[in-house]
Amino acid sequence: PLKDLAPITLYAMVPYAIIVHASVKA
């Protein structure tokens, strides 16, 4: 990736979140 691709720009930071099914008792 560092040698074979040339970066243009970052465009988004995507946050991840811990989610559960509604039936989970938490």
mmCIF file of all heavy atoms, coordinates in Angstrom:
data_MODEL
# 
_entry.id   MODEL 
# 
loop_
_atom_site.group_PDB 
_atom_site.id 
_atom_site.type_symbol 
_atom_site.label_atom_id 
_atom_site.label_alt_id 
_atom_site.label_comp_id 
_atom_site.label_asym_id 
_atom_site.label_entity_id 
_atom_site.label_seq_id 
_atom_site.pdbx_PDB_ins_code 
_atom_site.Cartn_x 
_atom_site.Cartn_y 
_atom_site.Cartn_z 
_atom_site.occupancy 
_atom_site.B_iso_or_equiv 
_atom_site.pdbx_formal_charge 
_atom_site.auth_seq_id 
_atom_site.auth_comp_id 
_atom_site.auth_asym_id 
_atom_site.auth_atom_id 
_atom_site.pdbx_PDB_model_num 
ATOM 1   N N   . PRO A 1 1  ? 0.803   -1.228  0.000  1.00 0.00 ? 1  PRO A N   1 
ATOM 2   C CA  . PRO A 1 1  ? 0.000   0.000   0.000  1.00 0.00 ? 1  PRO A CA  1 
ATOM 3   C C   . PRO A 1 1  ? 0.835   1.277   0.000  1.00 0.00 ? 1  PRO A C   1 
ATOM 4   O O   . PRO A 1 1  ? 0.465   2.262   -0.615 1.00 0.00 ? 1  PRO A O   1 
ATOM 5   C CB  . PRO A 1 1  ? -0.819  -0.087  1.285  1.00 0.00 ? 1  PRO A CB  1 
ATOM 6   C CG  . PRO A 1 1  ? -0.718  -1.485  1.743  1.00 0.00 ? 1  PRO A CG  1 
ATOM 7   C CD  . PRO A 1 1  ? 0.491   -2.100  1.130  1.00 0.00 ? 1  PRO A CD  1 
ATOM 8   N N   . LEU A 1 2  ? 1.992   1.262   0.691  1.00 0.00 ? 2  LEU A N   1 
ATOM 9   C CA  . LEU A 1 2  ? 2.805   2.474   0.781  1.00 0.00 ? 2  LEU A CA  1 
ATOM 10  C C   . LEU A 1 2  ? 3.565   2.748   -0.514 1.00 0.00 ? 2  LEU A C   1 
ATOM 11  O O   . LEU A 1 2  ? 3.841   3.893   -0.844 1.00 0.00 ? 2  LEU A O   1 
ATOM 12  C CB  . LEU A 1 2  ? 3.770   2.392   1.967  1.00 0.00 ? 2  LEU A CB  1 
ATOM 13  C CG  . LEU A 1 2  ? 3.123   2.254   3.352  1.00 0.00 ? 2  LEU A CG  1 
ATOM 14  C CD1 . LEU A 1 2  ? 4.174   2.136   4.441  1.00 0.00 ? 2  LEU A CD1 1 
ATOM 15  C CD2 . LEU A 1 2  ? 2.178   3.409   3.663  1.00 0.00 ? 2  LEU A CD2 1 
ATOM 16  N N   . LYS A 1 3  ? 3.879   1.682   -1.275 1.00 0.00 ? 3  LYS A N   1 
ATOM 17  C CA  . LYS A 1 3  ? 4.659   1.867   -2.508 1.00 0.00 ? 3  LYS A CA  1 
ATOM 18  C C   . LYS A 1 3  ? 3.804   1.910   -3.766 1.00 0.00 ? 3  LYS A C   1 
ATOM 19  O O   . LYS A 1 3  ? 4.139   2.601   -4.725 1.00 0.00 ? 3  LYS A O   1 
ATOM 20  C CB  . LYS A 1 3  ? 5.671   0.720   -2.651 1.00 0.00 ? 3  LYS A CB  1 
ATOM 21  C CG  . LYS A 1 3  ? 6.872   0.793   -1.719 1.00 0.00 ? 3  LYS A CG  1 
ATOM 22  C CD  . LYS A 1 3  ? 8.028   -0.044  -2.278 1.00 0.00 ? 3  LYS A CD  1 
ATOM 23  C CE  . LYS A 1 3  ? 9.157   -0.188  -1.268 1.00 0.00 ? 3  LYS A CE  1 
ATOM 24  N NZ  . LYS A 1 3  ? 8.983   -1.400  -0.428 1.00 0.00 ? 3  LYS A NZ  1 
ATOM 25  N N   . ASP A 1 4  ? 2.712   1.135   -3.774 1.00 0.00 ? 4  ASP A N   1 
ATOM 26  C CA  . ASP A 1 4  ? 1.953   0.939   -5.024 1.00 0.00 ? 4  ASP A CA  1 
ATOM 27  C C   . ASP A 1 4  ? 0.759   1.882   -5.181 1.00 0.00 ? 4  ASP A C   1 
ATOM 28  O O   . ASP A 1 4  ? 0.127   1.898   -6.239 1.00 0.00 ? 4  ASP A O   1 
ATOM 29  C CB  . ASP A 1 4  ? 1.442   -0.511  -5.129 1.00 0.00 ? 4  ASP A CB  1 
ATOM 30  C CG  . ASP A 1 4  ? 2.581   -1.514  -5.087 1.00 0.00 ? 4  ASP A CG  1 
ATOM 31  O OD1 . ASP A 1 4  ? 3.727   -1.111  -5.384 1.00 0.00 ? 4  ASP A OD1 1 
ATOM 32  O OD2 . ASP A 1 4  ? 2.346   -2.691  -4.750 1.00 0.00 ? 4  ASP A OD2 1 
ATOM 33  N N   . LEU A 1 5  ? 0.436   2.628   -4.120 1.00 0.00 ? 5  LEU A N   1 
ATOM 34  C CA  . LEU A 1 5  ? -0.698  3.544   -4.192 1.00 0.00 ? 5  LEU A CA  1 
ATOM 35  C C   . LEU A 1 5  ? -0.257  4.946   -3.786 1.00 0.00 ? 5  LEU A C   1 
ATOM 36  O O   . LEU A 1 5  ? 0.571   5.097   -2.891 1.00 0.00 ? 5  LEU A O   1 
ATOM 37  C CB  . LEU A 1 5  ? -1.823  3.063   -3.261 1.00 0.00 ? 5  LEU A CB  1 
ATOM 38  C CG  . LEU A 1 5  ? -2.516  1.763   -3.675 1.00 0.00 ? 5  LEU A CG  1 
ATOM 39  C CD1 . LEU A 1 5  ? -3.318  1.187   -2.512 1.00 0.00 ? 5  LEU A CD1 1 
ATOM 40  C CD2 . LEU A 1 5  ? -3.421  1.980   -4.893 1.00 0.00 ? 5  LEU A CD2 1 
ATOM 41  N N   . ALA A 1 6  ? -0.809  5.946   -4.451 1.00 0.00 ? 6  ALA A N   1 
ATOM 42  C CA  . ALA A 1 6  ? -0.502  7.342   -4.108 1.00 0.00 ? 6  ALA A CA  1 
ATOM 43  C C   . ALA A 1 6  ? -1.722  7.960   -3.444 1.00 0.00 ? 6  ALA A C   1 
ATOM 44  O O   . ALA A 1 6  ? -2.817  7.959   -4.022 1.00 0.00 ? 6  ALA A O   1 
ATOM 45  C CB  . ALA A 1 6  ? -0.125  8.120   -5.364 1.00 0.00 ? 6  ALA A CB  1 
ATOM 46  N N   . PRO A 1 7  ? -1.579  8.486   -2.219 1.00 0.00 ? 7  PRO A N   1 
ATOM 47  C CA  . PRO A 1 7  ? -2.727  9.085   -1.535 1.00 0.00 ? 7  PRO A CA  1 
ATOM 48  C C   . PRO A 1 7  ? -3.096  10.446  -2.131 1.00 0.00 ? 7  PRO A C   1 
ATOM 49  O O   . PRO A 1 7  ? -2.206  11.199  -2.532 1.00 0.00 ? 7  PRO A O   1 
ATOM 50  C CB  . PRO A 1 7  ? -2.244  9.237   -0.095 1.00 0.00 ? 7  PRO A CB  1 
ATOM 51  C CG  . PRO A 1 7  ? -0.762  9.179   -0.136 1.00 0.00 ? 7  PRO A CG  1 
ATOM 52  C CD  . PRO A 1 7  ? -0.355  8.492   -1.404 1.00 0.00 ? 7  PRO A CD  1 
ATOM 53  N N   . ILE A 1 8  ? -4.402  10.722  -2.208 1.00 0.00 ? 8  ILE A N   1 
ATOM 54  C CA  . ILE A 1 8  ? -4.866  12.054  -2.646 1.00 0.00 ? 8  ILE A CA  1 
ATOM 55  C C   . ILE A 1 8  ? -5.321  12.845  -1.429 1.00 0.00 ? 8  ILE A C   1 
ATOM 56  O O   . ILE A 1 8  ? -4.800  13.893  -1.126 1.00 0.00 ? 8  ILE A O   1 
ATOM 57  C CB  . ILE A 1 8  ? -6.026  11.949  -3.665 1.00 0.00 ? 8  ILE A CB  1 
ATOM 58  C CG1 . ILE A 1 8  ? -5.604  11.136  -4.889 1.00 0.00 ? 8  ILE A CG1 1 
ATOM 59  C CG2 . ILE A 1 8  ? -6.479  13.345  -4.096 1.00 0.00 ? 8  ILE A CG2 1 
ATOM 60  C CD1 . ILE A 1 8  ? -6.721  10.911  -5.894 1.00 0.00 ? 8  ILE A CD1 1 
ATOM 61  N N   . THR A 1 9  ? -6.317  12.337  -0.737 1.00 0.00 ? 9  THR A N   1 
ATOM 62  C CA  . THR A 1 9  ? -6.782  12.998  0.478  1.00 0.00 ? 9  THR A CA  1 
ATOM 63  C C   . THR A 1 9  ? -7.605  12.049  1.330  1.00 0.00 ? 9  THR A C   1 
ATOM 64  O O   . THR A 1 9  ? -8.219  11.106  0.833  1.00 0.00 ? 9  THR A O   1 
ATOM 65  C CB  . THR A 1 9  ? -7.638  14.243  0.164  1.00 0.00 ? 9  THR A CB  1 
ATOM 66  O OG1 . THR A 1 9  ? -8.068  14.844  1.394  1.00 0.00 ? 9  THR A OG1 1 
ATOM 67  C CG2 . THR A 1 9  ? -8.882  13.911  -0.656 1.00 0.00 ? 9  THR A CG2 1 
ATOM 68  N N   . LEU A 1 10 ? -7.606  12.327  2.605  1.00 0.00 ? 10 LEU A N   1 
ATOM 69  C CA  . LEU A 1 10 ? -8.561  11.735  3.538  1.00 0.00 ? 10 LEU A CA  1 
ATOM 70  C C   . LEU A 1 10 ? -9.898  12.394  3.244  1.00 0.00 ? 10 LEU A C   1 
ATOM 71  O O   . LEU A 1 10 ? -9.926  13.554  2.842  1.00 0.00 ? 10 LEU A O   1 
ATOM 72  C CB  . LEU A 1 10 ? -8.101  12.137  4.935  1.00 0.00 ? 10 LEU A CB  1 
ATOM 73  C CG  . LEU A 1 10 ? -8.564  11.387  6.164  1.00 0.00 ? 10 LEU A CG  1 
ATOM 74  C CD1 . LEU A 1 10 ? -8.127  9.943   6.098  1.00 0.00 ? 10 LEU A CD1 1 
ATOM 75  C CD2 . LEU A 1 10 ? -7.924  12.040  7.401  1.00 0.00 ? 10 LEU A CD2 1 
ATOM 76  N N   . TYR A 1 11 ? -11.025 11.697  3.368  1.00 0.00 ? 11 TYR A N   1 
ATOM 77  C CA  . TYR A 1 11 ? -12.285 12.438  3.223  1.00 0.00 ? 11 TYR A CA  1 
ATOM 78  C C   . TYR A 1 11 ? -13.280 12.156  4.336  1.00 0.00 ? 11 TYR A C   1 
ATOM 79  O O   . TYR A 1 11 ? -14.236 12.898  4.513  1.00 0.00 ? 11 TYR A O   1 
ATOM 80  C CB  . TYR A 1 11 ? -12.921 12.225  1.843  1.00 0.00 ? 11 TYR A CB  1 
ATOM 81  C CG  . TYR A 1 11 ? -13.586 10.890  1.642  1.00 0.00 ? 11 TYR A CG  1 
ATOM 82  C CD1 . TYR A 1 11 ? -14.920 10.689  1.970  1.00 0.00 ? 11 TYR A CD1 1 
ATOM 83  C CD2 . TYR A 1 11 ? -12.886 9.823   1.093  1.00 0.00 ? 11 TYR A CD2 1 
ATOM 84  C CE1 . TYR A 1 11 ? -15.527 9.472   1.790  1.00 0.00 ? 11 TYR A CE1 1 
ATOM 85  C CE2 . TYR A 1 11 ? -13.492 8.600   0.899  1.00 0.00 ? 11 TYR A CE2 1 
ATOM 86  C CZ  . TYR A 1 11 ? -14.811 8.425   1.244  1.00 0.00 ? 11 TYR A CZ  1 
ATOM 87  O OH  . TYR A 1 11 ? -15.402 7.212   1.065  1.00 0.00 ? 11 TYR A OH  1 
ATOM 88  N N   . ALA A 1 12 ? -13.066 11.110  5.129  1.00 0.00 ? 12 ALA A N   1 
ATOM 89  C CA  . ALA A 1 12 ? -14.024 10.855  6.207  1.00 0.00 ? 12 ALA A CA  1 
ATOM 90  C C   . ALA A 1 12 ? -13.397 10.013  7.297  1.00 0.00 ? 12 ALA A C   1 
ATOM 91  O O   . ALA A 1 12 ? -12.606 9.117   7.026  1.00 0.00 ? 12 ALA A O   1 
ATOM 92  C CB  . ALA A 1 12 ? -15.258 10.146  5.657  1.00 0.00 ? 12 ALA A CB  1 
ATOM 93  N N   . MET A 1 13 ? -13.770 10.335  8.532  1.00 0.00 ? 13 MET A N   1 
ATOM 94  C CA  . MET A 1 13 ? -13.449 9.487   9.665  1.00 0.00 ? 13 MET A CA  1 
ATOM 95  C C   . MET A 1 13 ? -14.768 8.852   10.103 1.00 0.00 ? 13 MET A C   1 
ATOM 96  O O   . MET A 1 13 ? -15.745 9.569   10.369 1.00 0.00 ? 13 MET A O   1 
ATOM 97  C CB  . MET A 1 13 ? -12.877 10.302  10.821 1.00 0.00 ? 13 MET A CB  1 
ATOM 98  C CG  . MET A 1 13 ? -11.598 11.025  10.468 1.00 0.00 ? 13 MET A CG  1 
ATOM 99  S SD  . MET A 1 13 ? -10.253 9.929   10.014 1.00 0.00 ? 13 MET A SD  1 
ATOM 100 C CE  . MET A 1 13 ? -9.486  9.628   11.580 1.00 0.00 ? 13 MET A CE  1 
ATOM 101 N N   . VAL A 1 14 ? -14.799 7.529   10.130 1.00 0.00 ? 14 VAL A N   1 
ATOM 102 C CA  . VAL A 1 14 ? -16.041 6.817   10.436 1.00 0.00 ? 14 VAL A CA  1 
ATOM 103 C C   . VAL A 1 14 ? -15.919 6.153   11.800 1.00 0.00 ? 14 VAL A C   1 
ATOM 104 O O   . VAL A 1 14 ? -15.141 5.217   11.964 1.00 0.00 ? 14 VAL A O   1 
ATOM 105 C CB  . VAL A 1 14 ? -16.340 5.741   9.365  1.00 0.00 ? 14 VAL A CB  1 
ATOM 106 C CG1 . VAL A 1 14 ? -17.664 5.053   9.652  1.00 0.00 ? 14 VAL A CG1 1 
ATOM 107 C CG2 . VAL A 1 14 ? -16.346 6.363   7.966  1.00 0.00 ? 14 VAL A CG2 1 
ATOM 108 N N   . PRO A 1 15 ? -16.663 6.655   12.790 1.00 0.00 ? 15 PRO A N   1 
ATOM 109 C CA  . PRO A 1 15 ? -16.613 6.026   14.102 1.00 0.00 ? 15 PRO A CA  1 
ATOM 110 C C   . PRO A 1 15 ? -17.396 4.705   14.117 1.00 0.00 ? 15 PRO A C   1 
ATOM 111 O O   . PRO A 1 15 ? -18.425 4.594   13.464 1.00 0.00 ? 15 PRO A O   1 
ATOM 112 C CB  . PRO A 1 15 ? -17.288 7.048   15.012 1.00 0.00 ? 15 PRO A CB  1 
ATOM 113 C CG  . PRO A 1 15 ? -18.147 7.855   14.113 1.00 0.00 ? 15 PRO A CG  1 
ATOM 114 C CD  . PRO A 1 15 ? -17.585 7.788   12.737 1.00 0.00 ? 15 PRO A CD  1 
ATOM 115 N N   . TYR A 1 16 ? -16.866 3.746   14.835 1.00 0.00 ? 16 TYR A N   1 
ATOM 116 C CA  . TYR A 1 16 ? -17.543 2.461   15.019 1.00 0.00 ? 16 TYR A CA  1 
ATOM 117 C C   . TYR A 1 16 ? -18.184 2.460   16.404 1.00 0.00 ? 16 TYR A C   1 
ATOM 118 O O   . TYR A 1 16 ? -17.807 3.251   17.269 1.00 0.00 ? 16 TYR A O   1 
ATOM 119 C CB  . TYR A 1 16 ? -16.547 1.312   14.859 1.00 0.00 ? 16 TYR A CB  1 
ATOM 120 C CG  . TYR A 1 16 ? -16.284 0.985   13.403 1.00 0.00 ? 16 TYR A CG  1 
ATOM 121 C CD1 . TYR A 1 16 ? -15.994 1.986   12.484 1.00 0.00 ? 16 TYR A CD1 1 
ATOM 122 C CD2 . TYR A 1 16 ? -16.357 -0.318  12.938 1.00 0.00 ? 16 TYR A CD2 1 
ATOM 123 C CE1 . TYR A 1 16 ? -15.782 1.700   11.146 1.00 0.00 ? 16 TYR A CE1 1 
ATOM 124 C CE2 . TYR A 1 16 ? -16.145 -0.619  11.601 1.00 0.00 ? 16 TYR A CE2 1 
ATOM 125 C CZ  . TYR A 1 16 ? -15.857 0.392   10.709 1.00 0.00 ? 16 TYR A CZ  1 
ATOM 126 O OH  . TYR A 1 16 ? -15.664 0.100   9.388  1.00 0.00 ? 16 TYR A OH  1 
ATOM 127 N N   . ALA A 1 17 ? -19.163 1.603   16.604 1.00 0.00 ? 17 ALA A N   1 
ATOM 128 C CA  . ALA A 1 17 ? -19.839 1.573   17.896 1.00 0.00 ? 17 ALA A CA  1 
ATOM 129 C C   . ALA A 1 17 ? -20.212 0.144   18.248 1.00 0.00 ? 17 ALA A C   1 
ATOM 130 O O   . ALA A 1 17 ? -20.518 -0.664  17.373 1.00 0.00 ? 17 ALA A O   1 
ATOM 131 C CB  . ALA A 1 17 ? -21.091 2.442   17.864 1.00 0.00 ? 17 ALA A CB  1 
ATOM 132 N N   . ILE A 1 18 ? -20.181 -0.155  19.532 1.00 0.00 ? 18 ILE A N   1 
ATOM 133 C CA  . ILE A 1 18 ? -20.627 -1.476  19.992 1.00 0.00 ? 18 ILE A CA  1 
ATOM 134 C C   . ILE A 1 18 ? -22.144 -1.428  20.116 1.00 0.00 ? 18 ILE A C   1 
ATOM 135 O O   . ILE A 1 18 ? -22.695 -0.592  20.846 1.00 0.00 ? 18 ILE A O   1 
ATOM 136 C CB  . ILE A 1 18 ? -19.930 -1.875  21.299 1.00 0.00 ? 18 ILE A CB  1 
ATOM 137 C CG1 . ILE A 1 18 ? -18.439 -2.093  20.997 1.00 0.00 ? 18 ILE A CG1 1 
ATOM 138 C CG2 . ILE A 1 18 ? -20.580 -3.122  21.913 1.00 0.00 ? 18 ILE A CG2 1 
ATOM 139 C CD1 . ILE A 1 18 ? -17.600 -2.649  22.103 1.00 0.00 ? 18 ILE A CD1 1 
ATOM 140 N N   . ILE A 1 19 ? -22.794 -2.278  19.335 1.00 0.00 ? 19 ILE A N   1 
ATOM 141 C CA  . ILE A 1 19 ? -24.252 -2.311  19.327 1.00 0.00 ? 19 ILE A CA  1 
ATOM 142 C C   . ILE A 1 19 ? -24.722 -3.732  19.627 1.00 0.00 ? 19 ILE A C   1 
ATOM 143 O O   . ILE A 1 19 ? -23.968 -4.692  19.441 1.00 0.00 ? 19 ILE A O   1 
ATOM 144 C CB  . ILE A 1 19 ? -24.833 -1.811  17.970 1.00 0.00 ? 19 ILE A CB  1 
ATOM 145 C CG1 . ILE A 1 19 ? -24.429 -2.745  16.824 1.00 0.00 ? 19 ILE A CG1 1 
ATOM 146 C CG2 . ILE A 1 19 ? -24.374 -0.387  17.676 1.00 0.00 ? 19 ILE A CG2 1 
ATOM 147 C CD1 . ILE A 1 19 ? -25.103 -2.399  15.493 1.00 0.00 ? 19 ILE A CD1 1 
ATOM 148 N N   . VAL A 1 20 ? -25.964 -3.848  20.091 1.00 0.00 ? 20 VAL A N   1 
ATOM 149 C CA  . VAL A 1 20 ? -26.521 -5.175  20.398 1.00 0.00 ? 20 VAL A CA  1 
ATOM 150 C C   . VAL A 1 20 ? -27.926 -5.290  19.815 1.00 0.00 ? 20 VAL A C   1 
ATOM 151 O O   . VAL A 1 20 ? -28.569 -4.280  19.513 1.00 0.00 ? 20 VAL A O   1 
ATOM 152 C CB  . VAL A 1 20 ? -26.578 -5.431  21.936 1.00 0.00 ? 20 VAL A CB  1 
ATOM 153 C CG1 . VAL A 1 20 ? -25.183 -5.548  22.525 1.00 0.00 ? 20 VAL A CG1 1 
ATOM 154 C CG2 . VAL A 1 20 ? -27.407 -4.370  22.652 1.00 0.00 ? 20 VAL A CG2 1 
ATOM 155 N N   . HIS A 1 21 ? -28.377 -6.526  19.677 1.00 0.00 ? 21 HIS A N   1 
ATOM 156 C CA  . HIS A 1 21 ? -29.760 -6.783  19.291 1.00 0.00 ? 21 HIS A CA  1 
ATOM 157 C C   . HIS A 1 21 ? -30.670 -6.318  20.432 1.00 0.00 ? 21 HIS A C   1 
ATOM 158 O O   . HIS A 1 21 ? -30.296 -6.412  21.606 1.00 0.00 ? 21 HIS A O   1 
ATOM 159 C CB  . HIS A 1 21 ? -29.956 -8.278  19.017 1.00 0.00 ? 21 HIS A CB  1 
ATOM 160 C CG  . HIS A 1 21 ? -31.313 -8.611  18.497 1.00 0.00 ? 21 HIS A CG  1 
ATOM 161 N ND1 . HIS A 1 21 ? -32.326 -9.026  19.322 1.00 0.00 ? 21 HIS A ND1 1 
ATOM 162 C CD2 . HIS A 1 21 ? -31.819 -8.569  17.245 1.00 0.00 ? 21 HIS A CD2 1 
ATOM 163 C CE1 . HIS A 1 21 ? -33.416 -9.239  18.587 1.00 0.00 ? 21 HIS A CE1 1 
ATOM 164 N NE2 . HIS A 1 21 ? -33.140 -8.964  17.332 1.00 0.00 ? 21 HIS A NE2 1 
ATOM 165 N N   . ALA A 1 22 ? -31.848 -5.825  20.093 1.00 0.00 ? 22 ALA A N   1 
ATOM 166 C CA  . ALA A 1 22 ? -32.761 -5.258  21.101 1.00 0.00 ? 22 ALA A CA  1 
ATOM 167 C C   . ALA A 1 22 ? -33.120 -6.241  22.224 1.00 0.00 ? 22 ALA A C   1 
ATOM 168 O O   . ALA A 1 22 ? -33.462 -5.823  23.333 1.00 0.00 ? 22 ALA A O   1 
ATOM 169 C CB  . ALA A 1 22 ? -34.027 -4.746  20.420 1.00 0.00 ? 22 ALA A CB  1 
ATOM 170 N N   . SER A 1 23 ? -33.025 -7.547  21.935 1.00 0.00 ? 23 SER A N   1 
ATOM 171 C CA  . SER A 1 23 ? -33.396 -8.543  22.955 1.00 0.00 ? 23 SER A CA  1 
ATOM 172 C C   . SER A 1 23 ? -32.324 -8.706  24.044 1.00 0.00 ? 23 SER A C   1 
ATOM 173 O O   . SER A 1 23 ? -32.583 -9.317  25.079 1.00 0.00 ? 23 SER A O   1 
ATOM 174 C CB  . SER A 1 23 ? -33.625 -9.899  22.286 1.00 0.00 ? 23 SER A CB  1 
ATOM 175 O OG  . SER A 1 23 ? -32.401 -10.370 21.739 1.00 0.00 ? 23 SER A OG  1 
ATOM 176 N N   . VAL A 1 24 ? -31.132 -8.183  23.815 1.00 0.00 ? 24 VAL A N   1 
ATOM 177 C CA  . VAL A 1 24 ? -30.051 -8.338  24.797 1.00 0.00 ? 24 VAL A CA  1 
ATOM 178 C C   . VAL A 1 24 ? -30.358 -7.474  26.025 1.00 0.00 ? 24 VAL A C   1 
ATOM 179 O O   . VAL A 1 24 ? -30.687 -6.298  25.899 1.00 0.00 ? 24 VAL A O   1 
ATOM 180 C CB  . VAL A 1 24 ? -28.680 -7.943  24.181 1.00 0.00 ? 24 VAL A CB  1 
ATOM 181 C CG1 . VAL A 1 24 ? -27.573 -7.958  25.234 1.00 0.00 ? 24 VAL A CG1 1 
ATOM 182 C CG2 . VAL A 1 24 ? -28.333 -8.894  23.036 1.00 0.00 ? 24 VAL A CG2 1 
ATOM 183 N N   . LYS A 1 25 ? -30.257 -8.086  27.206 1.00 0.00 ? 25 LYS A N   1 
ATOM 184 C CA  . LYS A 1 25 ? -30.620 -7.392  28.444 1.00 0.00 ? 25 LYS A CA  1 
ATOM 185 C C   . LYS A 1 25 ? -29.475 -6.503  28.932 1.00 0.00 ? 25 LYS A C   1 
ATOM 186 O O   . LYS A 1 25 ? -28.908 -6.729  30.012 1.00 0.00 ? 25 LYS A O   1 
ATOM 187 C CB  . LYS A 1 25 ? -31.000 -8.396  29.535 1.00 0.00 ? 25 LYS A CB  1 
ATOM 188 C CG  . LYS A 1 25 ? -32.114 -9.378  29.145 1.00 0.00 ? 25 LYS A CG  1 
ATOM 189 C CD  . LYS A 1 25 ? -33.471 -8.903  29.655 1.00 0.00 ? 25 LYS A CD  1 
ATOM 190 C CE  . LYS A 1 25 ? -34.583 -9.914  29.381 1.00 0.00 ? 25 LYS A CE  1 
ATOM 191 N NZ  . LYS A 1 25 ? -34.903 -10.079 27.955 1.00 0.00 ? 25 LYS A NZ  1 
ATOM 192 N N   . ALA A 1 26 ? -29.105 -5.530  28.102 1.00 0.00 ? 26 ALA A N   1 
ATOM 193 C CA  . ALA A 1 26 ? -28.056 -4.581  28.485 1.00 0.00 ? 26 ALA A CA  1 
ATOM 194 C C   . ALA A 1 26 ? -28.348 -3.244  27.820 1.00 0.00 ? 26 ALA A C   1 
ATOM 195 O O   . ALA A 1 26 ? -28.557 -3.195  26.611 1.00 0.00 ? 26 ALA A O   1 
ATOM 196 C CB  . ALA A 1 26 ? -26.693 -5.095  28.053 1.00 0.00 ? 26 ALA A CB  1 
# 
